[in-house]
Amino acid sequence: MAKKATKLEIETIKELFLKHYPNSITELKYTNAYELLMAVMLSAQCTDKRVNLITPALFTSYPTVYDLAKANLDDVKSLINTCSFFNNKAKNLIKMAGQIVDNYDGKIPLTQKELVKLAGVGQKTANVVMLEYTGANLMAVDTHVFRVAHRLGLSDASTAIKTEAELTKKFKTDLHRLHQAMVLFGRYRCKAINPLCEDCFLKSYCKSKGRFKA
């Protein structure tokens, strides 16, 4: 088991993330909360790059939740069929839209409690929507954040939800910026295979040197 980061190390890691990623935002492309919610739902176990190729036609075909709520399932499937688990995601998108029409007057709810009631929306998806769209002080843990947190000794938890709780407790503030910073850091530098360690600004804090398993 890798060593856990000390309190001083955690504070320094936080400062370095905020310094190197001062304006970090999601790479998903969207123009409103409805589009963001759809994009985040599609991004589960799928790359942002792939989602951004899919969403333009989806957004054009269903510009409002009212349009999506009435959508034909096969039509939605055909628009997102290059996305992982597109069959279930298509069903959830339509069901989610119907729930928003029926229960929220067509407006996207922006609290975790309400978002997780929607089809296909778990805690991570809800948190990503809120921290990105509203700047909520929330942490969300995807595969990149999970890997980075464990390599830096910020968490040894076995699940994403438990890792989220540890990061929230340790970082306390600026969680929305730290989430995005850790995503970008994990995606482009602290990669699962062949991480770019040589000139990494967090090299001296890494607890997993030589092993690099996510």
C-alpha atoms as a PDB file:
ATOM      1  CA  MET A   1       0.000   0.000   0.000  1.00  0.00           C
ATOM      2  CA  ALA A   2       1.332   3.438  -0.917  1.00  0.00           C
ATOM      3  CA  LYS A   3       2.006   5.975   1.799  1.00  0.00           C
ATOM      4  CA  LYS A   4      -0.672   8.533   2.550  1.00  0.00           C
ATOM      5  CA  ALA A   5       0.055  12.199   1.995  1.00  0.00           C
ATOM      6  CA  THR A   6       0.717  14.285   5.091  1.00  0.00           C
ATOM      7  CA  LYS A   7      -1.372  17.321   5.947  1.00  0.00           C
ATOM      8  CA  LEU A   8       1.399  19.622   4.710  1.00  0.00           C
ATOM      9  CA  GLU A   9       1.725  17.633   1.492  1.00  0.00           C
ATOM     10  CA  ILE A  10      -2.017  17.844   0.906  1.00  0.00           C
ATOM     11  CA  GLU A  11      -1.946  21.629   1.300  1.00  0.00           C
ATOM     12  CA  THR A  12       0.990  21.912  -1.098  1.00  0.00           C
ATOM     13  CA  ILE A  13      -0.580  19.568  -3.660  1.00  0.00           C
ATOM     14  CA  LYS A  14      -3.745  21.640  -3.552  1.00  0.00           C
ATOM     15  CA  GLU A  15      -1.802  24.876  -4.087  1.00  0.00           C
ATOM     16  CA  LEU A  16       0.107  23.377  -7.000  1.00  0.00           C
ATOM     17  CA  PHE A  17      -3.044  22.091  -8.709  1.00  0.00           C
ATOM     18  CA  LEU A  18      -4.681  25.516  -8.433  1.00  0.00           C
ATOM     19  CA  LYS A  19      -1.504  27.215  -9.661  1.00  0.00           C
ATOM     20  CA  HIS A  20      -1.045  25.009 -12.716  1.00  0.00           C
ATOM     21  CA  TYR A  21      -4.748  24.807 -13.602  1.00  0.00           C
ATOM     22  CA  PRO A  22      -6.113  28.226 -12.556  1.00  0.00           C
ATOM     23  CA  ASN A  23      -9.081  28.255 -14.945  1.00  0.00           C
ATOM     24  CA  SER A  24      -9.761  24.573 -15.449  1.00  0.00           C
ATOM     25  CA  ILE A  25     -13.147  23.682 -16.901  1.00  0.00           C
ATOM     26  CA  THR A  26     -14.657  20.604 -18.471  1.00  0.00           C
ATOM     27  CA  GLU A  27     -13.692  19.757 -22.037  1.00  0.00           C
ATOM     28  CA  LEU A  28     -17.291  18.785 -22.778  1.00  0.00           C
ATOM     29  CA  LYS A  29     -18.928  21.290 -25.102  1.00  0.00           C
ATOM     30  CA  TYR A  30     -22.328  22.701 -24.133  1.00  0.00           C
ATOM     31  CA  THR A  31     -24.296  25.961 -24.004  1.00  0.00           C
ATOM     32  CA  ASN A  32     -26.803  25.371 -21.188  1.00  0.00           C
ATOM     33  CA  ALA A  33     -27.565  23.086 -18.239  1.00  0.00           C
ATOM     34  CA  TYR A  34     -29.691  20.748 -20.383  1.00  0.00           C
ATOM     35  CA  GLU A  35     -26.884  20.170 -22.867  1.00  0.00           C
ATOM     36  CA  LEU A  36     -24.347  19.764 -20.077  1.00  0.00           C
ATOM     37  CA  LEU A  37     -26.489  17.138 -18.358  1.00  0.00           C
ATOM     38  CA  MET A  38     -26.819  15.142 -21.576  1.00  0.00           C
ATOM     39  CA  ALA A  39     -23.095  15.389 -22.281  1.00  0.00           C
ATOM     40  CA  VAL A  40     -22.122  14.269 -18.787  1.00  0.00           C
ATOM     41  CA  MET A  41     -24.552  11.347 -18.966  1.00  0.00           C
ATOM     42  CA  LEU A  42     -22.977  10.268 -22.247  1.00  0.00           C
ATOM     43  CA  SER A  43     -19.450  10.666 -20.891  1.00  0.00           C
ATOM     44  CA  ALA A  44     -19.773   7.763 -18.452  1.00  0.00           C
ATOM     45  CA  GLN A  45     -17.144   5.237 -19.589  1.00  0.00           C
ATOM     46  CA  CYS A  46     -16.702   7.239 -22.777  1.00  0.00           C
ATOM     47  CA  THR A  47     -14.145   9.910 -23.630  1.00  0.00           C
ATOM     48  CA  ASP A  48     -15.037  13.598 -23.723  1.00  0.00           C
ATOM     49  CA  LYS A  49     -13.555  13.705 -27.225  1.00  0.00           C
ATOM     50  CA  ARG A  50     -16.023  11.079 -28.421  1.00  0.00           C
ATOM     51  CA  VAL A  51     -18.949  12.767 -26.655  1.00  0.00           C
ATOM     52  CA  ASN A  52     -18.115  16.079 -28.345  1.00  0.00           C
ATOM     53  CA  LEU A  53     -18.363  14.351 -31.729  1.00  0.00           C
ATOM     54  CA  ILE A  54     -21.795  12.959 -30.861  1.00  0.00           C
ATOM     55  CA  THR A  55     -23.537  15.865 -29.157  1.00  0.00           C
ATOM     56  CA  PRO A  56     -23.837  18.461 -31.975  1.00  0.00           C
ATOM     57  CA  ALA A  57     -26.350  16.329 -33.893  1.00  0.00           C
ATOM     58  CA  LEU A  58     -28.087  15.290 -30.665  1.00  0.00           C
ATOM     59  CA  PHE A  59     -28.463  18.900 -29.499  1.00  0.00           C
ATOM     60  CA  THR A  60     -29.755  19.959 -32.921  1.00  0.00           C
ATOM     61  CA  SER A  61     -32.276  17.135 -33.100  1.00  0.00           C
ATOM     62  CA  TYR A  62     -33.565  17.679 -29.541  1.00  0.00           C
ATOM     63  CA  PRO A  63     -32.977  21.333 -28.608  1.00  0.00           C
ATOM     64  CA  THR A  64     -35.210  21.162 -25.504  1.00  0.00           C
ATOM     65  CA  VAL A  65     -36.177  18.576 -22.901  1.00  0.00           C
ATOM     66  CA  TYR A  66     -39.677  18.644 -24.392  1.00  0.00           C
ATOM     67  CA  ASP A  67     -38.293  17.479 -27.736  1.00  0.00           C
ATOM     68  CA  LEU A  68     -36.192  14.760 -26.136  1.00  0.00           C
ATOM     69  CA  ALA A  69     -39.053  13.544 -23.952  1.00  0.00           C
ATOM     70  CA  LYS A  70     -41.040  12.783 -27.119  1.00  0.00           C
ATOM     71  CA  ALA A  71     -38.109  11.279 -29.000  1.00  0.00           C
ATOM     72  CA  ASN A  72     -38.179   7.927 -30.750  1.00  0.00           C
ATOM     73  CA  LEU A  73     -35.812   5.528 -29.003  1.00  0.00           C
ATOM     74  CA  ASP A  74     -34.288   4.169 -32.206  1.00  0.00           C
ATOM     75  CA  ASP A  75     -33.654   7.687 -33.472  1.00  0.00           C
ATOM     76  CA  VAL A  76     -31.755   8.586 -30.303  1.00  0.00           C
ATOM     77  CA  LYS A  77     -29.817   5.321 -30.474  1.00  0.00           C
ATOM     78  CA  SER A  78     -28.753   6.081 -34.033  1.00  0.00           C
ATOM     79  CA  LEU A  79     -27.403   9.467 -32.977  1.00  0.00           C
ATOM     80  CA  ILE A  80     -25.310   8.125 -30.093  1.00  0.00           C
ATOM     81  CA  ASN A  81     -24.409   4.637 -31.326  1.00  0.00           C
ATOM     82  CA  THR A  82     -20.667   5.347 -31.312  1.00  0.00           C
ATOM     83  CA  CYS A  83     -20.867   5.929 -27.555  1.00  0.00           C
ATOM     84  CA  SER A  84     -20.323   3.121 -25.062  1.00  0.00           C
ATOM     85  CA  PHE A  85     -23.520   1.562 -23.683  1.00  0.00           C
ATOM     86  CA  PHE A  86     -25.578   3.614 -26.137  1.00  0.00           C
ATOM     87  CA  ASN A  87     -28.681   1.437 -25.764  1.00  0.00           C
ATOM     88  CA  ASN A  88     -29.079   2.137 -22.049  1.00  0.00           C
ATOM     89  CA  LYS A  89     -27.962   5.738 -22.428  1.00  0.00           C
ATOM     90  CA  ALA A  90     -30.598   6.395 -25.097  1.00  0.00           C
ATOM     91  CA  LYS A  91     -33.328   4.998 -22.838  1.00  0.00           C
ATOM     92  CA  ASN A  92     -32.091   7.045 -19.887  1.00  0.00           C
ATOM     93  CA  LEU A  93     -31.852  10.266 -21.902  1.00  0.00           C
ATOM     94  CA  ILE A  94     -35.482  10.027 -22.975  1.00  0.00           C
ATOM     95  CA  LYS A  95     -36.666   8.999 -19.516  1.00  0.00           C
ATOM     96  CA  MET A  96     -34.624  11.789 -17.896  1.00  0.00           C
ATOM     97  CA  ALA A  97     -36.213  14.352 -20.201  1.00  0.00           C
ATOM     98  CA  GLY A  98     -39.688  13.060 -19.403  1.00  0.00           C
ATOM     99  CA  GLN A  99     -39.029  13.317 -15.687  1.00  0.00           C
ATOM    100  CA  ILE A 100     -37.842  16.904 -16.034  1.00  0.00           C
ATOM    101  CA  VAL A 101     -40.930  17.811 -18.046  1.00  0.00           C
ATOM    102  CA  ASP A 102     -43.295  16.089 -15.625  1.00  0.00           C
ATOM    103  CA  ASN A 103     -41.660  16.975 -12.306  1.00  0.00           C
ATOM    104  CA  TYR A 104     -39.634  20.147 -12.843  1.00  0.00           C
ATOM    105  CA  ASP A 105     -41.600  22.158 -15.421  1.00  0.00           C
ATOM    106  CA  GLY A 106     -38.936  21.517 -18.020  1.00  0.00           C
ATOM    107  CA  LYS A 107     -36.134  23.072 -15.957  1.00  0.00           C
ATOM    108  CA  ILE A 108     -32.984  21.203 -14.997  1.00  0.00           C
ATOM    109  CA  PRO A 109     -32.863  20.800 -11.184  1.00  0.00           C
ATOM    110  CA  LEU A 110     -29.506  21.917  -9.838  1.00  0.00           C
ATOM    111  CA  THR A 111     -29.279  20.151  -6.495  1.00  0.00           C
ATOM    112  CA  GLN A 112     -27.691  16.765  -5.949  1.00  0.00           C
ATOM    113  CA  LYS A 113     -30.808  15.483  -4.186  1.00  0.00           C
ATOM    114  CA  GLU A 114     -33.012  16.184  -7.210  1.00  0.00           C
ATOM    115  CA  LEU A 115     -30.518  15.346  -9.965  1.00  0.00           C
ATOM    116  CA  VAL A 116     -29.887  11.818  -8.672  1.00  0.00           C
ATOM    117  CA  LYS A 117     -33.616  11.111  -8.965  1.00  0.00           C
ATOM    118  CA  LEU A 118     -33.269  11.339 -12.738  1.00  0.00           C
ATOM    119  CA  ALA A 119     -32.777   8.270 -14.905  1.00  0.00           C
ATOM    120  CA  GLY A 120     -29.120   7.583 -15.612  1.00  0.00           C
ATOM    121  CA  VAL A 121     -27.862  10.182 -13.136  1.00  0.00           C
ATOM    122  CA  GLY A 122     -25.723   9.003 -10.247  1.00  0.00           C
ATOM    123  CA  GLN A 123     -23.850  11.029  -7.668  1.00  0.00           C
ATOM    124  CA  LYS A 124     -20.803  11.587  -9.874  1.00  0.00           C
ATOM    125  CA  THR A 125     -22.888  12.850 -12.802  1.00  0.00           C
ATOM    126  CA  ALA A 126     -24.927  15.106 -10.521  1.00  0.00           C
ATOM    127  CA  ASN A 127     -21.795  16.554  -8.933  1.00  0.00           C
ATOM    128  CA  VAL A 128     -20.101  17.178 -12.270  1.00  0.00           C
ATOM    129  CA  VAL A 129     -23.147  19.057 -13.569  1.00  0.00           C
ATOM    130  CA  MET A 130     -23.334  21.190 -10.435  1.00  0.00           C
ATOM    131  CA  LEU A 131     -19.660  21.960 -10.006  1.00  0.00           C
ATOM    132  CA  GLU A 132     -19.269  22.799 -13.685  1.00  0.00           C
ATOM    133  CA  TYR A 133     -22.492  24.765 -14.184  1.00  0.00           C
ATOM    134  CA  THR A 134     -22.871  26.463 -10.816  1.00  0.00           C
ATOM    135  CA  GLY A 135     -19.356  26.328  -9.355  1.00  0.00           C
ATOM    136  CA  ALA A 136     -20.670  24.279  -6.434  1.00  0.00           C
ATOM    137  CA  ASN A 137     -18.045  23.273  -3.881  1.00  0.00           C
ATOM    138  CA  LEU A 138     -18.280  19.585  -4.761  1.00  0.00           C
ATOM    139  CA  MET A 139     -15.838  16.873  -5.763  1.00  0.00           C
ATOM    140  CA  ALA A 140     -16.558  14.210  -8.364  1.00  0.00           C
ATOM    141  CA  VAL A 141     -14.365  11.173  -8.936  1.00  0.00           C
ATOM    142  CA  ASP A 142     -13.939   9.673 -12.374  1.00  0.00           C
ATOM    143  CA  THR A 143     -11.213   7.255 -13.447  1.00  0.00           C
ATOM    144  CA  HIS A 144      -8.649  10.081 -13.763  1.00  0.00           C
ATOM    145  CA  VAL A 145      -9.358  11.623 -10.367  1.00  0.00           C
ATOM    146  CA  PHE A 146      -9.376   8.176  -8.760  1.00  0.00           C
ATOM    147  CA  ARG A 147      -5.977   7.319 -10.252  1.00  0.00           C
ATOM    148  CA  VAL A 148      -4.378  10.656  -9.362  1.00  0.00           C
ATOM    149  CA  ALA A 149      -5.750  10.616  -5.807  1.00  0.00           C
ATOM    150  CA  HIS A 150      -4.300   7.183  -5.159  1.00  0.00           C
ATOM    151  CA  ARG A 151      -0.932   7.870  -6.765  1.00  0.00           C
ATOM    152  CA  LEU A 152      -0.506  11.007  -4.676  1.00  0.00           C
ATOM    153  CA  GLY A 153      -1.537   9.284  -1.464  1.00  0.00           C
ATOM    154  CA  LEU A 154      -4.633  11.441  -1.112  1.00  0.00           C
ATOM    155  CA  SER A 155      -6.853   8.387  -0.784  1.00  0.00           C
ATOM    156  CA  ASP A 156      -6.619   4.625  -0.405  1.00  0.00           C
ATOM    157  CA  ALA A 157     -10.359   4.092  -0.663  1.00  0.00           C
ATOM    158  CA  SER A 158     -11.584   1.245  -2.853  1.00  0.00           C
ATOM    159  CA  THR A 159     -14.509   3.068  -4.452  1.00  0.00           C
ATOM    160  CA  ALA A 160     -15.080   6.360  -6.231  1.00  0.00           C
ATOM    161  CA  ILE A 161     -17.685   7.490  -3.680  1.00  0.00           C
ATOM    162  CA  LYS A 162     -15.351   6.868  -0.746  1.00  0.00           C
ATOM    163  CA  THR A 163     -12.503   8.573  -2.598  1.00  0.00           C
ATOM    164  CA  GLU A 164     -14.786  11.553  -3.194  1.00  0.00           C
ATOM    165  CA  ALA A 165     -15.498  11.754   0.531  1.00  0.00           C
ATOM    166  CA  GLU A 166     -11.789  11.650   1.390  1.00  0.00           C
ATOM    167  CA  LEU A 167     -10.871  14.353  -1.129  1.00  0.00           C
ATOM    168  CA  THR A 168     -13.742  16.541   0.051  1.00  0.00           C
ATOM    169  CA  LYS A 169     -12.603  16.230   3.660  1.00  0.00           C
ATOM    170  CA  LYS A 170      -8.948  16.880   2.876  1.00  0.00           C
ATOM    171  CA  PHE A 171      -9.250  19.720   0.339  1.00  0.00           C
ATOM    172  CA  LYS A 172     -12.353  21.375   1.836  1.00  0.00           C
ATOM    173  CA  THR A 173     -12.489  24.386  -0.531  1.00  0.00           C
ATOM    174  CA  ASP A 174     -12.084  25.073  -4.273  1.00  0.00           C
ATOM    175  CA  LEU A 175     -13.348  21.565  -4.917  1.00  0.00           C
ATOM    176  CA  HIS A 176     -14.862  22.404  -8.317  1.00  0.00           C
ATOM    177  CA  ARG A 177     -11.537  23.748  -9.588  1.00  0.00           C
ATOM    178  CA  LEU A 178      -9.581  20.886  -8.047  1.00  0.00           C
ATOM    179  CA  HIS A 179     -11.852  18.303  -9.665  1.00  0.00           C
ATOM    180  CA  GLN A 180     -11.287  19.738 -13.127  1.00  0.00           C
ATOM    181  CA  ALA A 181      -7.570  20.152 -12.461  1.00  0.00           C
ATOM    182  CA  MET A 182      -7.228  16.512 -11.422  1.00  0.00           C
ATOM    183  CA  VAL A 183      -9.188  15.360 -14.473  1.00  0.00           C
ATOM    184  CA  LEU A 184      -6.905  17.268 -16.850  1.00  0.00           C
ATOM    185  CA  PHE A 185      -3.774  16.229 -14.953  1.00  0.00           C
ATOM    186  CA  GLY A 186      -4.814  12.573 -15.083  1.00  0.00           C
ATOM    187  CA  ARG A 187      -5.907  12.739 -18.718  1.00  0.00           C
ATOM    188  CA  TYR A 188      -2.793  14.357 -20.148  1.00  0.00           C
ATOM    189  CA  ARG A 189       0.076  13.840 -17.687  1.00  0.00           C
ATOM    190  CA  CYS A 190      -0.597  11.271 -14.964  1.00  0.00           C
ATOM    191  CA  LYS A 191      -1.931   8.779 -17.509  1.00  0.00           C
ATOM    192  CA  ALA A 192      -2.775   5.188 -16.681  1.00  0.00           C
ATOM    193  CA  ILE A 193      -0.105   3.925 -19.087  1.00  0.00           C
ATOM    194  CA  ASN A 194       3.159   5.762 -19.684  1.00  0.00           C
ATOM    195  CA  PRO A 195       2.581   8.746 -17.378  1.00  0.00           C
ATOM    196  CA  LEU A 196       4.735  11.803 -18.117  1.00  0.00           C
ATOM    197  CA  CYS A 197       6.697  11.804 -14.889  1.00  0.00           C
ATOM    198  CA  GLU A 198      10.005  13.374 -15.830  1.00  0.00           C
ATOM    199  CA  ASP A 199       9.119  17.062 -15.467  1.00  0.00           C
ATOM    200  CA  CYS A 200       5.891  16.623 -13.488  1.00  0.00           C
ATOM    201  CA  PHE A 201       5.230  19.429 -10.997  1.00  0.00           C
ATOM    202  CA  LEU A 202       3.982  16.833  -8.497  1.00  0.00           C
ATOM    203  CA  LYS A 203       6.781  14.322  -9.001  1.00  0.00           C
ATOM    204  CA  SER A 204       8.170  14.733  -5.488  1.00  0.00           C
ATOM    205  CA  TYR A 205       4.742  13.992  -3.964  1.00  0.00           C
ATOM    206  CA  CYS A 206       4.020  10.822  -5.927  1.00  0.00           C
ATOM    207  CA  LYS A 207       3.648   7.745  -3.718  1.00  0.00           C
ATOM    208  CA  SER A 208       3.441   5.260  -6.591  1.00  0.00           C
ATOM    209  CA  LYS A 209       6.738   5.718  -8.428  1.00  0.00           C
ATOM    210  CA  GLY A 210       7.660   2.672 -10.462  1.00  0.00           C
ATOM    211  CA  ARG A 211       4.257   0.990 -10.145  1.00  0.00           C
ATOM    212  CA  PHE A 212       1.716   3.245 -11.828  1.00  0.00           C
ATOM    213  CA  LYS A 213      -1.392   1.154 -11.634  1.00  0.00           C
ATOM    214  CA  ALA A 214      -4.734   2.905 -11.638  1.00  0.00           C
END
